[in-house]
Amino acid sequence: MAQIYLRPRAYQAISFDLDDTLYDNGPVIGAAEASLLQFLHQNYSETRRWQRDDWIKLKTSIIHNQPELGHDTTAARLSMLEQGLLMLGYSRERAKSGAMAGLNCFLHKRSDFTVARPVVNLLRDLSVKYPLIGITNGNVDADRIGLGDVLDFVLHPGAGTRMKPYPDMFYNACRRLDIPLPSLLHVGDSHAADVMGARMAGCQSAWLNPSFGRDKPHRFGQLLPHVEIQDIHELQGLIG
């Protein structure tokens, strides 16, 4: 049942986080990571010397040294793969080509699913009344997963645009929609990214808690959402 914390104002558009808001992203990322490792082991045998934790450690180090990559998951993964292959003894040419091939393998599997039909139907119903967009920190291909017909556009971080909770994508969204910031309602599962990001940008926030595919709700952060829902389909009754 929806819980109202702050009096909602009239809104003119709705933005959605994607991962863990419209679908359970954990299994998707797990399958993509496994597919990438299989590709590397089959085509670059030296990578069998490394475990998943070795790649994570390298990625963390790269982002520490190049903080801007912390706002671009695709560029960070590409850099991780290239530097990892170099460290494992491959030539710069092989490392560069292998990194790009590995990234493409990961991205293909990362978007190799379809959002559940009831969720798509919900979005389609809401789109009759409001423009719908996506604001995500991830790099899923919204068209491939079945959201291309219901979302007007999707914003991703990178190329100078910072991840939520930074306000960049909220500002960009409202400029493109040509609406004032308080007229955007953002729906997302992460309090730290979605609620805090929307509130600090001056937008309204609907917090999905627990997130898609999870069981236990999380505590509040520093700012309250305007409304808290436990199931994405509660939006139907809330918005009408």
C-alpha atoms as a PDB file:
ATOM      1  CA  MET A   1       0.000   0.000   0.000  1.00  0.00           C
ATOM      2  CA  ALA A   2       1.376   3.419  -0.964  1.00  0.00           C
ATOM      3  CA  GLN A   3       2.618   5.592   1.894  1.00  0.00           C
ATOM      4  CA  ILE A   4       2.559   9.369   1.399  1.00  0.00           C
ATOM      5  CA  TYR A   5       5.291  11.331   3.209  1.00  0.00           C
ATOM      6  CA  LEU A   6       5.286  14.665   1.378  1.00  0.00           C
ATOM      7  CA  ARG A   7       2.320  16.291  -0.287  1.00  0.00           C
ATOM      8  CA  PRO A   8       2.666  15.519  -4.007  1.00  0.00           C
ATOM      9  CA  ARG A   9       2.368  18.388  -6.457  1.00  0.00           C
ATOM     10  CA  ALA A  10       0.929  18.107  -9.941  1.00  0.00           C
ATOM     11  CA  TYR A  11       3.437  16.493 -12.298  1.00  0.00           C
ATOM     12  CA  GLN A  12       3.677  16.522 -16.048  1.00  0.00           C
ATOM     13  CA  ALA A  13       5.976  13.554 -16.746  1.00  0.00           C
ATOM     14  CA  ILE A  14       7.274  10.416 -15.031  1.00  0.00           C
ATOM     15  CA  SER A  15      10.825   9.076 -15.125  1.00  0.00           C
ATOM     16  CA  PHE A  16      11.794   5.541 -14.193  1.00  0.00           C
ATOM     17  CA  ASP A  17      14.979   3.990 -12.999  1.00  0.00           C
ATOM     18  CA  LEU A  18      15.385   0.717 -14.899  1.00  0.00           C
ATOM     19  CA  ASP A  19      17.560  -1.838 -13.050  1.00  0.00           C
ATOM     20  CA  ASP A  20      15.764  -3.353 -10.034  1.00  0.00           C
ATOM     21  CA  THR A  21      12.816  -1.006 -10.558  1.00  0.00           C
ATOM     22  CA  LEU A  22      11.209  -2.476 -13.684  1.00  0.00           C
ATOM     23  CA  TYR A  23      12.901  -5.899 -13.448  1.00  0.00           C
ATOM     24  CA  ASP A  24      15.230  -7.927 -11.216  1.00  0.00           C
ATOM     25  CA  ASN A  25      18.698  -6.966 -12.417  1.00  0.00           C
ATOM     26  CA  GLY A  26      20.764  -9.325 -10.231  1.00  0.00           C
ATOM     27  CA  PRO A  27      20.384 -12.452 -12.379  1.00  0.00           C
ATOM     28  CA  VAL A  28      20.897 -10.381 -15.546  1.00  0.00           C
ATOM     29  CA  ILE A  29      24.243  -8.981 -14.414  1.00  0.00           C
ATOM     30  CA  GLY A  30      25.283 -12.393 -13.077  1.00  0.00           C
ATOM     31  CA  ALA A  31      24.638 -13.992 -16.472  1.00  0.00           C
ATOM     32  CA  ALA A  32      26.458 -11.186 -18.296  1.00  0.00           C
ATOM     33  CA  GLU A  33      29.508 -11.478 -16.027  1.00  0.00           C
ATOM     34  CA  ALA A  34      29.579 -15.252 -16.496  1.00  0.00           C
ATOM     35  CA  SER A  35      29.319 -14.884 -20.274  1.00  0.00           C
ATOM     36  CA  LEU A  36      32.199 -12.399 -20.305  1.00  0.00           C
ATOM     37  CA  LEU A  37      34.460 -14.644 -18.235  1.00  0.00           C
ATOM     38  CA  GLN A  38      33.666 -17.619 -20.474  1.00  0.00           C
ATOM     39  CA  PHE A  39      34.539 -15.537 -23.535  1.00  0.00           C
ATOM     40  CA  LEU A  40      37.840 -14.446 -21.989  1.00  0.00           C
ATOM     41  CA  HIS A  41      38.795 -17.954 -20.877  1.00  0.00           C
ATOM     42  CA  GLN A  42      38.046 -19.397 -24.298  1.00  0.00           C
ATOM     43  CA  ASN A  43      39.843 -16.722 -26.319  1.00  0.00           C
ATOM     44  CA  TYR A  44      42.529 -15.402 -23.963  1.00  0.00           C
ATOM     45  CA  SER A  45      43.788 -18.381 -21.988  1.00  0.00           C
ATOM     46  CA  GLU A  46      45.962 -16.281 -19.674  1.00  0.00           C
ATOM     47  CA  THR A  47      42.787 -14.857 -18.135  1.00  0.00           C
ATOM     48  CA  ARG A  48      42.203 -18.221 -16.466  1.00  0.00           C
ATOM     49  CA  ARG A  49      44.826 -17.116 -13.945  1.00  0.00           C
ATOM     50  CA  TRP A  50      42.450 -14.459 -12.658  1.00  0.00           C
ATOM     51  CA  GLN A  51      39.299 -14.802 -10.611  1.00  0.00           C
ATOM     52  CA  ARG A  52      36.336 -12.420 -10.646  1.00  0.00           C
ATOM     53  CA  ASP A  53      37.730 -10.624  -7.600  1.00  0.00           C
ATOM     54  CA  ASP A  54      40.925  -9.812  -9.499  1.00  0.00           C
ATOM     55  CA  TRP A  55      38.922  -7.987 -12.167  1.00  0.00           C
ATOM     56  CA  ILE A  56      36.893  -6.142  -9.534  1.00  0.00           C
ATOM     57  CA  LYS A  57      40.074  -5.066  -7.755  1.00  0.00           C
ATOM     58  CA  LEU A  58      41.503  -3.749 -11.028  1.00  0.00           C
ATOM     59  CA  LYS A  59      38.310  -1.872 -11.870  1.00  0.00           C
ATOM     60  CA  THR A  60      38.260  -0.276  -8.414  1.00  0.00           C
ATOM     61  CA  SER A  61      41.857   0.850  -8.871  1.00  0.00           C
ATOM     62  CA  ILE A  62      41.137   2.310 -12.316  1.00  0.00           C
ATOM     63  CA  ILE A  63      38.177   4.325 -11.031  1.00  0.00           C
ATOM     64  CA  HIS A  64      40.257   5.543  -8.087  1.00  0.00           C
ATOM     65  CA  ASN A  65      42.853   6.881 -10.527  1.00  0.00           C
ATOM     66  CA  GLN A  66      40.310   8.125 -13.075  1.00  0.00           C
ATOM     67  CA  PRO A  67      37.245   9.224 -11.073  1.00  0.00           C
ATOM     68  CA  GLU A  68      35.350  10.261 -14.191  1.00  0.00           C
ATOM     69  CA  LEU A  69      35.084   6.575 -15.129  1.00  0.00           C
ATOM     70  CA  GLY A  70      33.022   6.071 -11.993  1.00  0.00           C
ATOM     71  CA  HIS A  71      30.210   7.798 -13.893  1.00  0.00           C
ATOM     72  CA  ASP A  72      30.488   5.653 -17.041  1.00  0.00           C
ATOM     73  CA  THR A  73      30.059   1.921 -16.462  1.00  0.00           C
ATOM     74  CA  THR A  74      30.714   1.053 -20.107  1.00  0.00           C
ATOM     75  CA  ALA A  75      33.954   3.021 -20.358  1.00  0.00           C
ATOM     76  CA  ALA A  76      35.108   1.691 -16.982  1.00  0.00           C
ATOM     77  CA  ARG A  77      34.556  -1.922 -18.063  1.00  0.00           C
ATOM     78  CA  LEU A  78      36.357  -1.347 -21.360  1.00  0.00           C
ATOM     79  CA  SER A  79      39.333   0.172 -19.551  1.00  0.00           C
ATOM     80  CA  MET A  80      39.350  -2.683 -17.030  1.00  0.00           C
ATOM     81  CA  LEU A  81      39.413  -5.300 -19.776  1.00  0.00           C
ATOM     82  CA  GLU A  82      42.158  -3.611 -21.784  1.00  0.00           C
ATOM     83  CA  GLN A  83      44.397  -2.986 -18.790  1.00  0.00           C
ATOM     84  CA  GLY A  84      43.778  -6.488 -17.468  1.00  0.00           C
ATOM     85  CA  LEU A  85      44.786  -8.099 -20.745  1.00  0.00           C
ATOM     86  CA  LEU A  86      47.913  -5.942 -20.843  1.00  0.00           C
ATOM     87  CA  MET A  87      48.811  -6.982 -17.299  1.00  0.00           C
ATOM     88  CA  LEU A  88      48.357 -10.634 -18.284  1.00  0.00           C
ATOM     89  CA  GLY A  89      50.959 -10.247 -21.017  1.00  0.00           C
ATOM     90  CA  TYR A  90      48.971  -9.577 -24.177  1.00  0.00           C
ATOM     91  CA  SER A  91      50.174  -7.030 -26.707  1.00  0.00           C
ATOM     92  CA  ARG A  92      48.511  -3.623 -26.800  1.00  0.00           C
ATOM     93  CA  GLU A  93      46.837  -4.511 -30.102  1.00  0.00           C
ATOM     94  CA  ARG A  94      45.434  -7.793 -28.765  1.00  0.00           C
ATOM     95  CA  ALA A  95      44.451  -6.174 -25.486  1.00  0.00           C
ATOM     96  CA  LYS A  96      42.592  -3.407 -27.293  1.00  0.00           C
ATOM     97  CA  SER A  97      40.725  -5.731 -29.659  1.00  0.00           C
ATOM     98  CA  GLY A  98      40.060  -8.264 -26.888  1.00  0.00           C
ATOM     99  CA  ALA A  99      38.682  -5.591 -24.589  1.00  0.00           C
ATOM    100  CA  MET A 100      36.251  -4.380 -27.232  1.00  0.00           C
ATOM    101  CA  ALA A 101      35.148  -7.924 -28.088  1.00  0.00           C
ATOM    102  CA  GLY A 102      34.720  -8.728 -24.401  1.00  0.00           C
ATOM    103  CA  LEU A 103      32.702  -5.577 -23.818  1.00  0.00           C
ATOM    104  CA  ASN A 104      30.418  -6.405 -26.745  1.00  0.00           C
ATOM    105  CA  CYS A 105      29.938  -9.909 -25.342  1.00  0.00           C
ATOM    106  CA  PHE A 106      28.990  -8.469 -21.955  1.00  0.00           C
ATOM    107  CA  LEU A 107      26.642  -5.838 -23.386  1.00  0.00           C
ATOM    108  CA  HIS A 108      24.860  -8.389 -25.562  1.00  0.00           C
ATOM    109  CA  LYS A 109      24.105 -10.632 -22.582  1.00  0.00           C
ATOM    110  CA  ARG A 110      23.375  -7.653 -20.345  1.00  0.00           C
ATOM    111  CA  SER A 111      20.332  -6.770 -22.476  1.00  0.00           C
ATOM    112  CA  ASP A 112      19.372 -10.333 -23.430  1.00  0.00           C
ATOM    113  CA  PHE A 113      15.969 -10.403 -21.719  1.00  0.00           C
ATOM    114  CA  THR A 114      12.525  -8.856 -21.982  1.00  0.00           C
ATOM    115  CA  VAL A 115      10.735  -6.852 -19.299  1.00  0.00           C
ATOM    116  CA  ALA A 116       7.692  -8.730 -17.987  1.00  0.00           C
ATOM    117  CA  ARG A 117       4.513  -8.077 -19.944  1.00  0.00           C
ATOM    118  CA  PRO A 118       2.500  -6.808 -16.908  1.00  0.00           C
ATOM    119  CA  VAL A 119       5.161  -4.146 -16.289  1.00  0.00           C
ATOM    120  CA  VAL A 120       5.182  -3.079 -19.937  1.00  0.00           C
ATOM    121  CA  ASN A 121       1.374  -2.944 -19.875  1.00  0.00           C
ATOM    122  CA  LEU A 122       1.501  -0.742 -16.773  1.00  0.00           C
ATOM    123  CA  LEU A 123       3.872   1.653 -18.518  1.00  0.00           C
ATOM    124  CA  ARG A 124       1.713   1.661 -21.618  1.00  0.00           C
ATOM    125  CA  ASP A 125      -1.338   2.587 -19.532  1.00  0.00           C
ATOM    126  CA  LEU A 126       0.547   5.396 -17.777  1.00  0.00           C
ATOM    127  CA  SER A 127       1.929   6.694 -21.076  1.00  0.00           C
ATOM    128  CA  VAL A 128      -1.585   7.529 -22.220  1.00  0.00           C
ATOM    129  CA  LYS A 129      -1.629  10.329 -19.642  1.00  0.00           C
ATOM    130  CA  TYR A 130       2.049  11.225 -19.131  1.00  0.00           C
ATOM    131  CA  PRO A 131       5.287  11.241 -21.103  1.00  0.00           C
ATOM    132  CA  LEU A 132       7.477   8.448 -19.683  1.00  0.00           C
ATOM    133  CA  ILE A 133      11.284   8.390 -19.763  1.00  0.00           C
ATOM    134  CA  GLY A 134      14.131   6.376 -18.253  1.00  0.00           C
ATOM    135  CA  ILE A 135      16.901   7.738 -16.024  1.00  0.00           C
ATOM    136  CA  THR A 136      19.389   4.994 -15.240  1.00  0.00           C
ATOM    137  CA  ASN A 137      22.932   4.703 -13.935  1.00  0.00           C
ATOM    138  CA  GLY A 138      23.347   1.482 -15.906  1.00  0.00           C
ATOM    139  CA  ASN A 139      23.936   0.645 -19.559  1.00  0.00           C
ATOM    140  CA  VAL A 140      21.035  -1.622 -20.468  1.00  0.00           C
ATOM    141  CA  ASP A 141      19.623  -1.228 -24.000  1.00  0.00           C
ATOM    142  CA  ALA A 142      16.017  -0.184 -23.372  1.00  0.00           C
ATOM    143  CA  ASP A 143      14.945  -0.995 -26.932  1.00  0.00           C
ATOM    144  CA  ARG A 144      16.226  -4.567 -26.747  1.00  0.00           C
ATOM    145  CA  ILE A 145      14.443  -5.299 -23.474  1.00  0.00           C
ATOM    146  CA  GLY A 146      11.070  -4.138 -24.760  1.00  0.00           C
ATOM    147  CA  LEU A 147      10.826  -0.569 -23.460  1.00  0.00           C
ATOM    148  CA  GLY A 148      11.392   1.292 -26.702  1.00  0.00           C
ATOM    149  CA  ASP A 149       7.677   1.715 -27.397  1.00  0.00           C
ATOM    150  CA  VAL A 150       6.730   2.998 -23.935  1.00  0.00           C
ATOM    151  CA  LEU A 151       9.638   5.291 -22.989  1.00  0.00           C
ATOM    152  CA  ASP A 152      10.125   8.485 -24.979  1.00  0.00           C
ATOM    153  CA  PHE A 153      13.875   8.436 -24.272  1.00  0.00           C
ATOM    154  CA  VAL A 154      16.387   7.023 -21.795  1.00  0.00           C
ATOM    155  CA  LEU A 155      19.249   8.946 -20.197  1.00  0.00           C
ATOM    156  CA  HIS A 156      22.524   7.281 -19.201  1.00  0.00           C
ATOM    157  CA  PRO A 157      25.562   8.766 -17.448  1.00  0.00           C
ATOM    158  CA  GLY A 158      28.925   9.186 -19.154  1.00  0.00           C
ATOM    159  CA  ALA A 159      30.640  11.690 -21.446  1.00  0.00           C
ATOM    160  CA  GLY A 160      30.585  14.302 -18.709  1.00  0.00           C
ATOM    161  CA  THR A 161      27.115  13.446 -17.384  1.00  0.00           C
ATOM    162  CA  ARG A 162      27.328  12.181 -13.805  1.00  0.00           C
ATOM    163  CA  MET A 163      25.415   9.315 -12.217  1.00  0.00           C
ATOM    164  CA  LYS A 164      22.515   9.756  -9.836  1.00  0.00           C
ATOM    165  CA  PRO A 165      22.336  11.122  -7.158  1.00  0.00           C
ATOM    166  CA  TYR A 166      24.076  13.956  -9.023  1.00  0.00           C
ATOM    167  CA  PRO A 167      21.368  16.071 -10.664  1.00  0.00           C
ATOM    168  CA  ASP A 168      22.746  16.062 -14.221  1.00  0.00           C
ATOM    169  CA  MET A 169      20.299  13.583 -15.756  1.00  0.00           C
ATOM    170  CA  PHE A 170      17.297  15.118 -13.968  1.00  0.00           C
ATOM    171  CA  TYR A 171      18.252  18.540 -15.313  1.00  0.00           C
ATOM    172  CA  ASN A 172      18.775  17.112 -18.797  1.00  0.00           C
ATOM    173  CA  ALA A 173      15.440  15.286 -18.658  1.00  0.00           C
ATOM    174  CA  CYS A 174      13.436  18.376 -17.708  1.00  0.00           C
ATOM    175  CA  ARG A 175      15.165  20.455 -20.366  1.00  0.00           C
ATOM    176  CA  ARG A 176      14.273  17.873 -23.017  1.00  0.00           C
ATOM    177  CA  LEU A 177      10.712  17.562 -21.717  1.00  0.00           C
ATOM    178  CA  ASP A 178      10.457  21.343 -21.406  1.00  0.00           C
ATOM    179  CA  ILE A 179       8.954  21.154 -17.927  1.00  0.00           C
ATOM    180  CA  PRO A 180      10.002  22.642 -14.563  1.00  0.00           C
ATOM    181  CA  LEU A 181      11.914  20.331 -12.232  1.00  0.00           C
ATOM    182  CA  PRO A 182       9.094  19.922  -9.667  1.00  0.00           C
ATOM    183  CA  SER A 183       6.828  18.652 -12.462  1.00  0.00           C
ATOM    184  CA  LEU A 184       8.871  15.459 -12.903  1.00  0.00           C
ATOM    185  CA  LEU A 185       8.000  12.418 -10.767  1.00  0.00           C
ATOM    186  CA  HIS A 186      10.916   9.991 -10.581  1.00  0.00           C
ATOM    187  CA  VAL A 187      10.293   6.336  -9.669  1.00  0.00           C
ATOM    188  CA  GLY A 188      13.209   4.217  -8.455  1.00  0.00           C
ATOM    189  CA  ASP A 189      14.331   1.546  -6.008  1.00  0.00           C
ATOM    190  CA  SER A 190      17.520   3.116  -4.654  1.00  0.00           C
ATOM    191  CA  HIS A 191      17.128   5.608  -1.847  1.00  0.00           C
ATOM    192  CA  ALA A 192      20.728   6.771  -2.262  1.00  0.00           C
ATOM    193  CA  ALA A 193      20.511   7.255  -6.029  1.00  0.00           C
ATOM    194  CA  ASP A 194      16.855   7.735  -6.911  1.00  0.00           C
ATOM    195  CA  VAL A 195      15.226   9.391  -3.913  1.00  0.00           C
ATOM    196  CA  MET A 196      18.227  11.536  -3.004  1.00  0.00           C
ATOM    197  CA  GLY A 197      18.940  12.357  -6.647  1.00  0.00           C
ATOM    198  CA  ALA A 198      15.385  13.403  -7.446  1.00  0.00           C
ATOM    199  CA  ARG A 199      14.905  15.366  -4.226  1.00  0.00           C
ATOM    200  CA  MET A 200      18.220  17.225  -4.484  1.00  0.00           C
ATOM    201  CA  ALA A 201      17.471  18.090  -8.116  1.00  0.00           C
ATOM    202  CA  GLY A 202      14.120  19.553  -7.110  1.00  0.00           C
ATOM    203  CA  CYS A 203      11.987  16.745  -8.597  1.00  0.00           C
ATOM    204  CA  GLN A 204       9.389  14.570  -6.902  1.00  0.00           C
ATOM    205  CA  SER A 205      10.211  11.024  -5.825  1.00  0.00           C
ATOM    206  CA  ALA A 206       8.359   7.704  -5.625  1.00  0.00           C
ATOM    207  CA  TRP A 207      10.462   5.084  -3.817  1.00  0.00           C
ATOM    208  CA  LEU A 208       9.975   1.419  -4.727  1.00  0.00           C
ATOM    209  CA  ASN A 209      10.832  -0.339  -1.482  1.00  0.00           C
ATOM    210  CA  PRO A 210      11.665  -3.204  -1.548  1.00  0.00           C
ATOM    211  CA  SER A 211      13.246  -3.143  -4.977  1.00  0.00           C
ATOM    212  CA  PHE A 212      12.172  -5.562  -7.707  1.00  0.00           C
ATOM    213  CA  GLY A 213      13.087  -9.141  -6.797  1.00  0.00           C
ATOM    214  CA  ARG A 214      14.041  -8.312  -3.194  1.00  0.00           C
ATOM    215  CA  ASP A 215      12.317  -9.220   0.057  1.00  0.00           C
ATOM    216  CA  LYS A 216      13.484  -6.901   2.821  1.00  0.00           C
ATOM    217  CA  PRO A 217      12.825  -3.167   2.792  1.00  0.00           C
ATOM    218  CA  HIS A 218      15.600  -0.698   3.523  1.00  0.00           C
ATOM    219  CA  ARG A 219      15.735   2.166   5.978  1.00  0.00           C
ATOM    220  CA  PHE A 220      15.323   5.770   4.991  1.00  0.00           C
ATOM    221  CA  GLY A 221      18.284   7.894   4.081  1.00  0.00           C
ATOM    222  CA  GLN A 222      18.603  11.602   4.731  1.00  0.00           C
ATOM    223  CA  LEU A 223      15.626  12.737   2.651  1.00  0.00           C
ATOM    224  CA  LEU A 224      12.084  11.392   2.550  1.00  0.00           C
ATOM    225  CA  PRO A 225      10.509  10.385  -0.749  1.00  0.00           C
ATOM    226  CA  HIS A 226       7.194  11.985  -1.582  1.00  0.00           C
ATOM    227  CA  VAL A 227       5.655   8.523  -1.671  1.00  0.00           C
ATOM    228  CA  GLU A 228       6.779   4.952  -0.932  1.00  0.00           C
ATOM    229  CA  ILE A 229       5.382   1.942  -2.779  1.00  0.00           C
ATOM    230  CA  GLN A 230       6.044  -1.761  -2.265  1.00  0.00           C
ATOM    231  CA  ASP A 231       5.108  -2.900  -5.766  1.00  0.00           C
ATOM    232  CA  ILE A 232       5.536  -1.107  -9.069  1.00  0.00           C
ATOM    233  CA  HIS A 233       1.902  -1.801  -9.940  1.00  0.00           C
ATOM    234  CA  GLU A 234       0.754   0.408  -7.056  1.00  0.00           C
ATOM    235  CA  LEU A 235       1.495   3.310  -9.387  1.00  0.00           C
ATOM    236  CA  GLN A 236      -1.704   2.481 -11.266  1.00  0.00           C
ATOM    237  CA  GLY A 237      -3.861   3.335  -8.277  1.00  0.00           C
ATOM    238  CA  LEU A 238      -1.643   6.188  -7.147  1.00  0.00           C
ATOM    239  CA  ILE A 239      -1.520   7.975 -10.486  1.00  0.00           C
ATOM    240  CA  GLY A 240      -4.754   6.756 -12.004  1.00  0.00           C
END
